[in-house]
């Protein structure tokens, strides 16, 4: 499906398609060139504190990171999604990622937030990632005033939050509306960096 879309020059239809096209562009166009292409205007990295994706002058590394989605969680209205998956960096360093995507007014998908951390072993590549959509029943109870350290889809059926601990570790969570309440579907907990030896 993705190959057919790419060959036809069509825009990705789902956040999984967008993630795969983004990863393919990193290999074809260069890592930071792909990030510039797929980032929303106000996109942030979360490493752990939010930092604007400002890559205007960043040169592409000789070998780009390779990543793949393993799961996608989609708002009821289909306009916002949280993808998560595995990544392999040059030198066989393994990591995972979680990315928040939003469909723009022109129909194109752009990422709003990119987050990840190292793993001891890579996540398995999947032919078809797990995809779950939020329930369209009930009334989501999301408090928009709590979005200083997070956000939500326009229909509030998908929401995300991050918290940075005083020692520097952080936690990133994504919750999906079930019709009766929110279920945590992504819970990325990153320990504080170890102090460097002198």
Protein backbone atom coordinates (compact mmCIF):
# COMPACT_ATOMS: atom_id res chain seq x y z
CA UNK A 1 0.00 0.00 0.00
CA UNK A 2 2.71 2.51 1.01
CA UNK A 3 4.82 1.63 -2.03
CA UNK A 4 1.83 2.21 -4.31
CA UNK A 5 1.17 5.58 -2.65
CA UNK A 6 4.80 6.63 -3.00
CA UNK A 7 4.97 5.56 -6.64
CA UNK A 8 1.75 7.41 -7.35
CA UNK A 9 3.00 10.50 -5.52
CA UNK A 10 -0.08 10.43 -3.28
CA UNK A 11 -0.02 11.78 0.26
CA UNK A 12 0.07 9.19 3.06
CA UNK A 13 -3.45 8.31 4.18
CA UNK A 14 -2.68 7.20 7.75
CA UNK A 15 -0.16 8.13 10.43
CA UNK A 16 1.50 4.73 9.90
CA UNK A 17 1.89 5.52 6.19
CA UNK A 18 3.32 8.92 7.15
CA UNK A 19 5.79 7.37 9.62
CA UNK A 20 7.00 4.91 7.01
CA UNK A 21 7.32 7.60 4.35
CA UNK A 22 9.22 9.80 6.84
CA UNK A 23 11.62 6.93 7.64
CA UNK A 24 12.07 6.20 3.91
CA UNK A 25 12.86 9.87 3.26
CA UNK A 26 15.54 9.78 5.96
CA UNK A 27 17.30 7.04 3.98
CA UNK A 28 16.71 8.67 0.60
CA UNK A 29 17.03 12.41 1.28
CA UNK A 30 19.07 12.48 4.49
CA UNK A 31 18.13 12.33 8.17
CA UNK A 32 17.66 16.03 9.04
CA UNK A 33 16.34 16.87 5.57
CA UNK A 34 13.54 14.36 6.25
CA UNK A 35 12.89 15.83 9.69
CA UNK A 36 12.57 19.31 8.16
CA UNK A 37 10.19 17.97 5.51
CA UNK A 38 7.84 16.17 7.92
CA UNK A 39 7.85 18.52 10.94
CA UNK A 40 4.93 20.81 11.72
CA UNK A 41 5.86 24.48 12.11
CA UNK A 42 5.68 24.23 15.90
CA UNK A 43 7.13 20.71 16.23
CA UNK A 44 9.24 19.85 19.27
CA UNK A 45 11.77 17.25 20.37
CA UNK A 46 11.40 15.94 23.89
CA UNK A 47 14.91 15.16 25.16
CA UNK A 48 13.50 15.45 28.02
CA UNK A 49 12.53 19.14 28.01
CA UNK A 50 10.70 20.36 24.90
CA UNK A 51 13.00 21.92 22.30
CA UNK A 52 11.80 23.43 19.01
CA UNK A 53 12.70 21.39 15.95
CA UNK A 54 15.12 23.96 14.54
CA UNK A 55 17.17 22.04 11.99
CA UNK A 56 17.61 24.69 9.29
CA UNK A 57 21.40 24.40 9.24
CA UNK A 58 21.83 20.85 10.53
CA UNK A 59 23.89 18.78 8.05
CA UNK A 60 22.69 15.27 7.32
CA UNK A 61 24.87 12.54 8.86
CA UNK A 62 26.52 10.08 6.43
CA UNK A 63 24.18 7.30 7.61
CA UNK A 64 20.64 8.04 8.81
CA UNK A 65 18.85 6.39 11.70
CA UNK A 66 16.51 3.61 10.52
CA UNK A 67 13.15 3.35 12.28
CA UNK A 68 9.82 1.51 11.97
CA UNK A 69 6.40 1.79 13.63
CA UNK A 70 5.09 -1.04 15.82
CA UNK A 71 1.84 0.58 17.01
CA UNK A 72 -0.38 3.54 16.19
CA UNK A 73 -3.11 5.03 18.38
CA UNK A 74 -5.59 7.27 16.56
CA UNK A 75 -8.14 9.81 17.77
CA UNK A 76 -11.82 9.16 17.10
CA UNK A 77 -11.92 11.87 14.42
CA UNK A 78 -8.85 10.36 12.69
CA UNK A 79 -6.89 13.62 12.64
CA UNK A 80 -4.30 12.93 15.37
CA UNK A 81 -2.21 9.85 16.12
CA UNK A 82 0.55 8.63 18.40
CA UNK A 83 2.98 6.21 16.78
CA UNK A 84 5.62 4.21 18.60
CA UNK A 85 8.25 1.80 17.34
CA UNK A 86 11.87 0.77 17.12
CA UNK A 87 14.99 2.36 15.71
CA UNK A 88 18.52 1.33 14.85
CA UNK A 89 21.28 3.93 14.78
CA UNK A 90 24.66 3.66 13.05
CA UNK A 91 26.95 1.50 15.17
CA UNK A 92 24.04 -0.84 16.05
CA UNK A 93 22.68 1.38 18.84
CA UNK A 94 19.05 0.43 19.49
CA UNK A 95 16.32 2.81 20.60
CA UNK A 96 12.58 3.35 20.51
CA UNK A 97 10.53 6.38 19.50
CA UNK A 98 7.12 7.85 20.11
CA UNK A 99 5.81 10.49 17.71
CA UNK A 100 2.64 12.58 17.77
CA UNK A 101 1.17 13.23 14.30
CA UNK A 102 -1.61 15.59 13.16
CA UNK A 103 -3.34 15.81 9.79
CA UNK A 104 -3.08 19.37 8.49
CA UNK A 105 -5.79 21.41 6.75
CA UNK A 106 -4.35 20.40 3.36
CA UNK A 107 -4.62 16.70 4.30
CA UNK A 108 -0.87 16.18 4.84
CA UNK A 109 0.41 14.53 8.02
CA UNK A 110 3.07 16.40 10.05
CA UNK A 111 4.66 15.40 13.34
CA UNK A 112 4.15 17.65 16.38
CA UNK A 113 6.43 15.87 18.84
CA UNK A 114 9.27 13.37 18.59
CA UNK A 115 10.60 11.50 21.60
CA UNK A 116 12.80 8.46 22.15
CA UNK A 117 15.46 6.76 24.22
CA UNK A 118 17.97 3.93 23.99
CA UNK A 119 17.11 0.24 24.38
CA UNK A 120 19.35 -2.72 25.09
CA UNK A 121 17.82 -4.63 22.14
CA UNK A 122 15.78 -3.39 19.17
CA UNK A 123 12.02 -3.79 18.94
CA UNK A 124 10.95 -6.30 16.31
CA UNK A 125 9.97 -5.04 12.87
CA UNK A 126 6.33 -5.75 12.11
CA UNK A 127 4.72 -6.17 8.70
CA UNK A 128 1.58 -4.52 10.08
CA UNK A 129 1.75 -2.38 13.23
CA UNK A 130 -1.01 -2.64 15.82
CA UNK A 131 -3.56 0.13 15.11
CA UNK A 132 -6.20 1.20 17.63
CA UNK A 133 -8.69 4.01 17.28
CA UNK A 134 -10.28 5.87 20.20
CA UNK A 135 -13.93 5.30 20.97
CA UNK A 136 -16.38 7.82 19.55
CA UNK A 137 -18.88 7.26 22.38
CA UNK A 138 -19.16 9.04 25.69
CA UNK A 139 -17.78 12.46 26.57
CA UNK A 140 -14.00 12.79 27.00
CA UNK A 141 -13.08 14.59 30.20
CA UNK A 142 -9.80 16.14 29.09
CA UNK A 143 -8.80 19.36 30.87
CA UNK A 144 -7.31 21.63 28.19
CA UNK A 145 -5.74 23.83 30.88
CA UNK A 146 -3.40 20.95 31.72
CA UNK A 147 -1.74 21.09 28.28
CA UNK A 148 1.35 23.07 29.34
CA UNK A 149 3.26 19.76 29.39
CA UNK A 150 1.28 17.90 26.77
CA UNK A 151 -1.63 18.16 24.38
CA UNK A 152 -4.68 16.48 22.95
CA UNK A 153 -6.52 15.87 19.70
CA UNK A 154 -9.26 18.39 18.83
CA UNK A 155 -11.91 15.88 19.93
CA UNK A 156 -9.96 15.10 23.15
CA UNK A 157 -10.04 11.33 22.50
CA UNK A 158 -6.22 11.13 22.32
CA UNK A 159 -4.02 13.00 24.76
CA UNK A 160 -0.34 13.05 25.74
CA UNK A 161 1.70 14.36 28.64
CA UNK A 162 5.31 14.54 29.79
CA UNK A 163 6.86 15.08 33.18
CA UNK A 164 10.52 15.77 33.93
CA UNK A 165 11.85 14.65 37.31
CA UNK A 166 14.23 16.91 39.28
CA UNK A 167 17.14 14.52 38.69
CA UNK A 168 16.63 14.67 34.91
CA UNK A 169 14.68 11.51 34.15
CA UNK A 170 11.38 11.91 32.37
CA UNK A 171 8.14 10.15 31.52
CA UNK A 172 6.02 10.47 28.38
CA UNK A 173 2.52 9.00 28.30
CA UNK A 174 -0.25 8.75 25.71
CA UNK A 175 -3.85 7.98 26.61
CA UNK A 176 -6.70 6.81 24.39
CA UNK A 177 -10.40 7.40 25.15
CA UNK A 178 -12.32 4.13 25.61
CA UNK A 179 -15.85 5.55 25.86
CA UNK A 180 -15.81 5.37 29.64
CA UNK A 181 -12.37 6.77 30.47
CA UNK A 182 -8.77 7.09 29.32
CA UNK A 183 -6.46 4.10 28.89
CA UNK A 184 -2.69 4.61 28.94
CA UNK A 185 -1.38 3.07 25.71
CA UNK A 186 2.18 4.45 25.69
CA UNK A 187 4.22 4.84 28.87
CA UNK A 188 7.84 5.76 28.09
CA UNK A 189 9.93 6.09 31.25
CA UNK A 190 13.46 7.37 30.76
CA UNK A 191 15.92 7.30 33.67
CA UNK A 192 18.12 10.28 34.48
CA UNK A 193 21.39 10.33 32.57
CA UNK A 194 24.32 8.84 34.44
CA UNK A 195 26.93 11.37 35.53
CA UNK A 196 30.03 11.35 33.37
CA UNK A 197 33.21 10.08 34.95
CA UNK A 198 35.97 12.64 35.15
